[in-house]
Amino acid sequence: MAASSSQPNSPTSVTMKKYLFAILLFLGTTSCTSTSEAPPTTQLTADNRPPAKIALALGGGAARGFAHIGVIKALEAQGISIDIVAGTSAGSVVGALYASGLNGFQIQELSMTMEENQVLDGSGLYRCILETVITDKRGCVMGQALQDFINGNVRYRTIEKLPKTFAAVATNLNNGEMMVFRNGNTGMAVRASSSVPVFFQPVTINGQDYVDGGLVAPVPSSVARSLGADFVIAVDISDRPQDRNTTGISDILWQTFSIFGQTINRHERTNADIVIRPVTFGIPSADASGRNKAVLEGEKAVAAILSELKAMLEKLNMEKHVTGMP
């Protein structure tokens, strides 16, 4: 596998098989690099000024990542065109598919028919965990199946060849810095972004190990902004600490992650113009059975802020028209 150069941006078991499967699905080479690419072509307005570039920043959140699909479907139904997509973990999975040209309905159909063996590689969760402890392995699952699944569904196009500008956010395990994948192998970038430590083996690219992007950017609003967006729509599907009961060791573990992620998200939200927060409480992050409910909650969350969103976009485009802002 060829390596990549990084462009760091510093500011950020359950012991059941379904749990691992769900994380792999929605938390979660030739080359993967972070160099810039030309922005997508957009239609010009009557006075030859391009409309505002709108970006989606899709966050991580295990099986709750299906809510991203509902958000995309709802935005499409309202004619809101997205130019840029930045994704972390679960968001990178959905984001890559969306940036490849699939619409919300197509992604939903794909996700609902997805089988475990299409994305899960390894010897089974229980055996894998035991082997990890005994042999000091770096993770239970390689993630190659996820990489192949994404590449197959984006028709083996590299990131820079996707119709929409796309970036997948991962964490450099060697130095703790953010890595923004802008070019190269799409499936590998998503795999890196979705590689939850301990459960998944880190992805090695150019001699550097990469793991889940949620450690540095649970909702990558700052990345979306850096890609040239005039307006950033952030979708936050993370756990809220107040929604979780801490009755067992696994609950305490996940509560710790929730608190940590919430702290980082406070920073990321400042880079978003509007935040969509699907109601994911009660939708199990470790169980893919809530797929339809998660999609519906994504649609409902857009409906709840639609008036505000449309007003903000209208105001932005009016300002660009009147002032001639670039």
Protein backbone atom coordinates (compact mmCIF):
# COMPACT_ATOMS: atom_id res chain seq x y z
CA MET A 1 0.00 0.00 0.00
CA ALA A 2 1.35 3.38 -0.96
CA ALA A 3 1.77 6.03 1.63
CA SER A 4 0.41 9.49 2.14
CA SER A 5 1.61 12.81 3.40
CA SER A 6 -0.45 14.42 6.15
CA GLN A 7 -1.87 17.84 6.66
CA PRO A 8 -2.50 17.93 10.43
CA ASN A 9 -5.03 20.32 11.88
CA SER A 10 -4.55 20.47 15.65
CA PRO A 11 -7.38 22.19 17.83
CA THR A 12 -9.04 17.67 18.71
CA SER A 13 -17.94 -4.49 25.17
CA VAL A 14 -20.16 -5.10 25.02
CA THR A 15 -18.99 -8.50 24.00
CA MET A 16 -21.52 -9.24 21.28
CA LYS A 17 -20.87 -9.67 17.62
CA LYS A 18 -23.60 -7.18 16.67
CA TYR A 19 -21.72 -4.49 18.59
CA LEU A 20 -18.54 -4.91 16.60
CA PHE A 21 -20.52 -5.14 13.37
CA ALA A 22 -22.34 -1.91 14.09
CA ILE A 23 -19.17 0.00 14.92
CA LEU A 24 -17.57 -1.24 11.72
CA LEU A 25 -20.61 -0.20 9.73
CA PHE A 26 -21.15 3.25 11.07
CA LEU A 27 -18.87 4.76 13.65
CA GLY A 28 -17.66 3.30 11.82
CA THR A 29 -3.65 1.40 -1.62
CA THR A 30 -2.81 3.37 -4.20
CA SER A 31 -2.25 6.47 -2.10
CA CYS A 32 -3.98 8.62 0.50
CA THR A 33 -2.83 12.21 0.72
CA SER A 34 -4.09 15.48 2.08
CA THR A 35 -3.24 17.85 -0.75
CA SER A 36 -5.83 20.30 -1.96
CA GLU A 37 -8.02 19.80 -4.98
CA ALA A 38 -10.04 22.16 -7.16
CA PRO A 39 -13.53 22.98 -5.86
CA PRO A 40 -16.50 21.49 -7.69
CA THR A 41 -18.03 23.32 -10.61
CA THR A 42 -21.23 25.15 -9.69
CA GLN A 43 -23.83 26.99 -11.69
CA LEU A 44 -23.44 30.76 -11.84
CA THR A 45 -26.14 33.17 -10.82
CA ALA A 46 -27.52 35.73 -13.23
CA ASP A 47 -24.78 38.21 -12.31
CA ASN A 48 -22.09 35.55 -12.82
CA ARG A 49 -21.39 35.10 -9.14
CA PRO A 50 -21.43 31.49 -7.90
CA PRO A 51 -23.93 30.61 -5.18
CA ALA A 52 -22.70 29.83 -1.71
CA LYS A 53 -20.82 26.57 -1.35
CA ILE A 54 -22.60 24.39 1.20
CA ALA A 55 -20.79 21.69 3.17
CA LEU A 56 -22.00 18.78 5.27
CA ALA A 57 -19.92 17.82 8.31
CA LEU A 58 -21.01 14.30 9.24
CA GLY A 59 -20.02 13.08 12.68
CA GLY A 60 -19.36 9.67 14.19
CA GLY A 61 -21.77 7.68 16.31
CA ALA A 62 -21.82 3.95 15.58
CA ALA A 63 -25.17 2.61 14.29
CA ARG A 64 -26.70 6.05 14.81
CA GLY A 65 -24.81 6.93 11.63
CA PHE A 66 -27.86 5.80 9.67
CA ALA A 67 -29.38 9.13 10.71
CA HIS A 68 -27.00 10.83 8.28
CA ILE A 69 -28.92 9.17 5.47
CA GLY A 70 -32.17 10.71 6.66
CA VAL A 71 -30.54 14.14 6.80
CA ILE A 72 -29.29 13.79 3.23
CA LYS A 73 -32.71 12.63 1.99
CA ALA A 74 -34.44 15.57 3.63
CA LEU A 75 -32.00 18.15 2.29
CA GLU A 76 -32.34 16.72 -1.21
CA ALA A 77 -36.13 16.87 -0.97
CA GLN A 78 -35.82 20.59 -0.25
CA GLY A 79 -33.50 21.18 -3.20
CA ILE A 80 -30.55 22.06 -0.96
CA SER A 81 -27.47 21.13 -2.95
CA ILE A 82 -24.32 20.04 -1.12
CA ASP A 83 -20.94 20.80 -2.65
CA ILE A 84 -18.55 19.56 0.06
CA VAL A 85 -18.67 16.59 2.44
CA ALA A 86 -16.40 16.00 5.42
CA GLY A 87 -16.89 12.84 7.48
CA THR A 88 -15.60 11.28 10.65
CA SER A 89 -15.99 7.56 11.29
CA ALA A 90 -19.68 6.78 10.62
CA GLY A 91 -19.85 10.07 8.78
CA SER A 92 -16.99 9.10 6.50
CA VAL A 93 -18.83 5.91 5.51
CA VAL A 94 -22.02 7.73 4.54
CA GLY A 95 -20.10 10.73 3.26
CA ALA A 96 -17.98 8.74 0.83
CA LEU A 97 -21.06 7.09 -0.65
CA TYR A 98 -22.82 10.44 -0.97
CA ALA A 99 -19.80 12.15 -2.49
CA SER A 100 -19.57 9.33 -5.04
CA GLY A 101 -22.88 10.41 -6.57
CA LEU A 102 -25.34 8.17 -4.75
CA ASN A 103 -28.43 9.98 -3.52
CA GLY A 104 -30.07 9.53 -0.15
CA PHE A 105 -32.54 6.89 -1.30
CA GLN A 106 -29.78 4.87 -2.96
CA ILE A 107 -27.62 4.98 0.16
CA GLN A 108 -30.59 3.94 2.28
CA GLU A 109 -31.32 0.98 0.02
CA LEU A 110 -27.68 -0.04 0.14
CA SER A 111 -27.50 0.22 3.92
CA MET A 112 -30.71 -1.72 4.51
CA THR A 113 -29.55 -4.66 2.41
CA MET A 114 -25.99 -4.68 3.75
CA GLU A 115 -24.89 -8.05 5.11
CA GLU A 116 -22.39 -8.61 7.89
CA ASN A 117 -19.97 -10.61 5.77
CA GLN A 118 -19.72 -7.70 3.33
CA VAL A 119 -17.93 -5.50 5.82
CA LEU A 120 -16.69 -7.71 8.66
CA ASP A 121 -13.41 -9.55 8.39
CA GLY A 122 -11.87 -11.55 11.21
CA SER A 123 -12.32 -14.80 13.12
CA GLY A 124 -15.32 -13.82 15.23
CA LEU A 125 -15.51 -11.39 18.12
CA TYR A 126 -14.99 -13.70 21.11
CA ARG A 127 -12.06 -15.55 19.60
CA CYS A 128 -10.60 -12.33 18.29
CA ILE A 129 -10.69 -10.59 21.67
CA LEU A 130 -9.07 -13.61 23.30
CA GLU A 131 -6.35 -13.67 20.67
CA THR A 132 -5.81 -9.95 21.09
CA VAL A 133 -5.23 -10.31 24.83
CA ILE A 134 -3.05 -13.42 24.60
CA THR A 135 -0.95 -12.45 21.59
CA ASP A 136 -0.95 -8.68 22.12
CA LYS A 137 -2.50 -8.08 18.71
CA ARG A 138 -3.29 -4.53 17.68
CA GLY A 139 -6.98 -5.13 17.10
CA CYS A 140 -9.67 -7.70 16.42
CA VAL A 141 -10.57 -6.71 12.88
CA MET A 142 -8.37 -5.64 10.00
CA GLY A 143 -10.99 -3.50 8.29
CA GLN A 144 -10.04 -4.67 4.80
CA ALA A 145 -13.65 -5.75 4.17
CA LEU A 146 -14.91 -2.24 4.91
CA GLN A 147 -12.29 -0.78 2.62
CA ASP A 148 -13.32 -3.14 -0.18
CA PHE A 149 -17.02 -2.44 0.42
CA ILE A 150 -16.54 1.31 0.08
CA ASN A 151 -14.27 1.05 -2.94
CA GLY A 152 -16.71 -1.25 -4.72
CA ASN A 153 -19.61 1.10 -4.13
CA VAL A 154 -17.74 4.23 -5.23
CA ARG A 155 -16.66 2.31 -8.34
CA TYR A 156 -13.01 2.29 -7.28
CA ARG A 157 -12.62 6.02 -7.77
CA THR A 158 -10.07 7.86 -5.70
CA ILE A 159 -11.19 10.70 -3.46
CA GLU A 160 -10.18 13.39 -5.92
CA LYS A 161 -12.26 11.71 -8.65
CA LEU A 162 -15.50 11.77 -6.69
CA PRO A 163 -18.17 14.18 -7.98
CA LYS A 164 -18.32 16.07 -4.69
CA THR A 165 -15.37 17.38 -2.72
CA PHE A 166 -14.80 14.84 0.05
CA ALA A 167 -12.56 14.50 3.07
CA ALA A 168 -12.28 11.71 5.65
CA VAL A 169 -10.89 12.58 9.06
CA ALA A 170 -8.65 10.17 10.99
CA THR A 171 -6.29 10.38 13.96
CA ASN A 172 -2.55 9.84 13.68
CA LEU A 173 -1.85 7.28 16.40
CA ASN A 174 1.84 8.16 16.45
CA ASN A 175 1.46 11.83 17.37
CA GLY A 176 -2.24 12.35 18.15
CA GLU A 177 -2.76 14.85 15.35
CA MET A 178 -5.65 15.09 12.93
CA MET A 179 -5.23 13.72 9.43
CA VAL A 180 -7.48 14.94 6.65
CA PHE A 181 -7.55 12.57 3.69
CA ARG A 182 -8.26 14.56 0.52
CA ASN A 183 -6.76 12.40 -2.22
CA GLY A 184 -6.14 8.74 -2.90
CA ASN A 185 -7.80 5.45 -2.03
CA THR A 186 -11.32 6.26 -0.85
CA GLY A 187 -11.91 2.95 0.92
CA MET A 188 -8.62 3.15 2.78
CA ALA A 189 -9.36 6.67 3.99
CA VAL A 190 -12.78 5.59 5.28
CA ARG A 191 -11.23 2.53 6.89
CA ALA A 192 -8.71 4.70 8.71
CA SER A 193 -11.38 7.14 9.80
CA SER A 194 -13.50 4.26 11.19
CA SER A 195 -10.79 2.20 12.91
CA VAL A 196 -11.93 2.25 16.52
CA PRO A 197 -8.84 1.58 18.67
CA VAL A 198 -8.52 -1.93 20.15
CA PHE A 199 -11.42 -3.29 18.11
CA PHE A 200 -9.83 -2.48 14.76
CA GLN A 201 -6.23 -2.68 13.76
CA PRO A 202 -4.72 0.73 12.99
CA VAL A 203 -4.31 1.47 9.30
CA THR A 204 -0.69 2.01 8.33
CA ILE A 205 -0.09 4.56 5.59
CA ASN A 206 3.34 5.92 4.77
CA GLY A 207 4.75 4.50 7.96
CA GLN A 208 2.14 6.22 10.11
CA ASP A 209 -0.69 4.47 11.98
CA TYR A 210 -4.19 5.91 11.77
CA VAL A 211 -7.26 5.27 13.92
CA ASP A 212 -10.78 6.62 14.35
CA GLY A 213 -11.19 10.31 13.61
CA GLY A 214 -13.62 10.77 16.47
CA LEU A 215 -10.67 11.15 18.82
CA VAL A 216 -9.84 14.53 17.31
CA ALA A 217 -12.96 15.69 15.43
CA PRO A 218 -16.21 13.92 16.35
CA VAL A 219 -18.05 16.34 14.04
CA PRO A 220 -15.57 17.74 11.48
CA SER A 221 -16.99 21.23 11.07
CA SER A 222 -13.57 22.88 11.00
CA VAL A 223 -12.44 20.56 8.22
CA ALA A 224 -15.56 21.31 6.17
CA ARG A 225 -14.89 25.02 6.58
CA SER A 226 -11.27 24.61 5.51
CA LEU A 227 -12.36 22.97 2.26
CA GLY A 228 -13.81 26.24 1.03
CA ALA A 229 -17.34 26.11 2.40
CA ASP A 230 -19.33 29.31 2.76
CA PHE A 231 -21.92 27.55 4.88
CA VAL A 232 -21.42 24.47 7.08
CA ILE A 233 -24.24 22.17 8.12
CA ALA A 234 -23.00 19.95 10.95
CA VAL A 235 -24.76 16.70 11.83
CA ASP A 236 -24.07 15.59 15.39
CA ILE A 237 -25.17 12.03 16.20
CA SER A 238 -22.92 11.55 19.22
CA ASP A 239 -24.00 10.26 22.61
CA ARG A 240 -25.03 12.82 25.17
CA PRO A 241 -23.74 11.97 28.65
CA GLN A 242 -27.11 12.78 30.25
CA ASP A 243 -28.79 10.08 28.13
CA ARG A 244 -26.77 7.22 29.54
CA ASN A 245 -27.16 5.26 32.78
CA THR A 246 -23.88 4.26 34.38
CA THR A 247 -24.91 0.95 35.93
CA GLY A 248 -22.11 -1.26 34.64
CA ILE A 249 -18.49 -1.15 33.55
CA SER A 250 -19.39 -0.90 29.86
CA ASP A 251 -21.74 2.02 30.64
CA ILE A 252 -19.00 3.80 32.54
CA LEU A 253 -16.59 3.24 29.65
CA TRP A 254 -18.99 4.68 27.09
CA GLN A 255 -19.92 7.54 29.41
CA THR A 256 -16.25 8.45 29.54
CA PHE A 257 -16.06 8.54 25.76
CA SER A 258 -19.26 10.62 25.61
CA ILE A 259 -17.92 13.24 27.98
CA PHE A 260 -14.63 13.39 26.10
CA GLY A 261 -16.38 13.74 22.74
CA GLN A 262 -18.75 16.40 24.02
CA THR A 263 -15.82 18.55 25.09
CA ILE A 264 -14.24 18.40 21.62
CA ASN A 265 -17.59 19.01 19.96
CA ARG A 266 -18.00 22.34 21.74
CA HIS A 267 -15.04 23.58 19.74
CA GLU A 268 -16.17 22.01 16.47
CA ARG A 269 -19.68 23.49 16.71
CA THR A 270 -18.23 26.99 16.59
CA ASN A 271 -17.17 26.28 13.01
CA ALA A 272 -20.68 25.30 11.91
CA ASP A 273 -23.37 27.70 10.77
CA ILE A 274 -26.12 25.35 11.87
CA VAL A 275 -26.10 22.05 13.77
CA ILE A 276 -28.59 19.26 13.08
CA ARG A 277 -28.99 16.95 16.06
CA PRO A 278 -31.15 13.88 15.34
CA VAL A 279 -32.79 12.43 18.44
CA THR A 280 -30.77 9.25 18.72
CA PHE A 281 -31.50 8.44 22.34
CA GLY A 282 -32.89 4.90 22.44
CA ILE A 283 -31.32 3.99 19.12
CA PRO A 284 -28.66 1.45 20.09
CA SER A 285 -25.20 2.40 18.90
CA ALA A 286 -24.16 -1.24 19.13
CA ASP A 287 -27.07 -2.72 17.21
CA ALA A 288 -27.88 -2.14 13.54
CA SER A 289 -31.55 -3.06 14.13
CA GLY A 290 -32.43 0.60 14.55
CA ARG A 291 -31.54 1.52 10.96
CA ASN A 292 -35.00 2.65 9.85
CA LYS A 293 -35.63 4.61 13.04
CA ALA A 294 -32.28 6.37 12.72
CA VAL A 295 -33.03 7.38 9.12
CA LEU A 296 -36.42 8.73 10.19
CA GLU A 297 -34.89 10.71 13.03
CA GLY A 298 -32.47 12.28 10.57
CA GLU A 299 -35.38 13.41 8.40
CA LYS A 300 -37.27 14.77 11.40
CA ALA A 301 -34.24 16.69 12.62
CA VAL A 302 -33.99 18.52 9.30
CA ALA A 303 -37.70 19.35 9.36
CA ALA A 304 -37.26 20.88 12.81
CA ILE A 305 -34.68 23.43 11.63
CA LEU A 306 -35.79 23.81 8.01
CA SER A 307 -37.25 27.31 8.29
CA GLU A 308 -34.15 28.60 10.02
CA LEU A 309 -31.86 26.85 7.55
CA LYS A 310 -33.63 28.26 4.51
CA ALA A 311 -33.62 31.77 5.94
CA MET A 312 -29.91 31.59 6.67
CA LEU A 313 -29.09 30.34 3.17
CA GLU A 314 -31.27 33.00 1.56
CA LYS A 315 -29.57 35.70 3.57
CA LEU A 316 -26.12 34.39 2.68
CA ASN A 317 -26.84 34.29 -1.04
CA MET A 318 -28.37 37.76 -0.89
CA GLU A 319 -25.27 39.13 0.79
CA LYS A 320 -23.04 37.58 -1.86
CA HIS A 321 -25.25 39.12 -4.56
CA VAL A 322 -25.33 42.62 -3.07
CA THR A 323 -21.75 42.91 -1.88
CA GLY A 324 -20.07 40.85 -4.59
CA MET A 325 -18.38 38.72 -1.96
CA PRO A 326 -16.20 36.01 -3.57
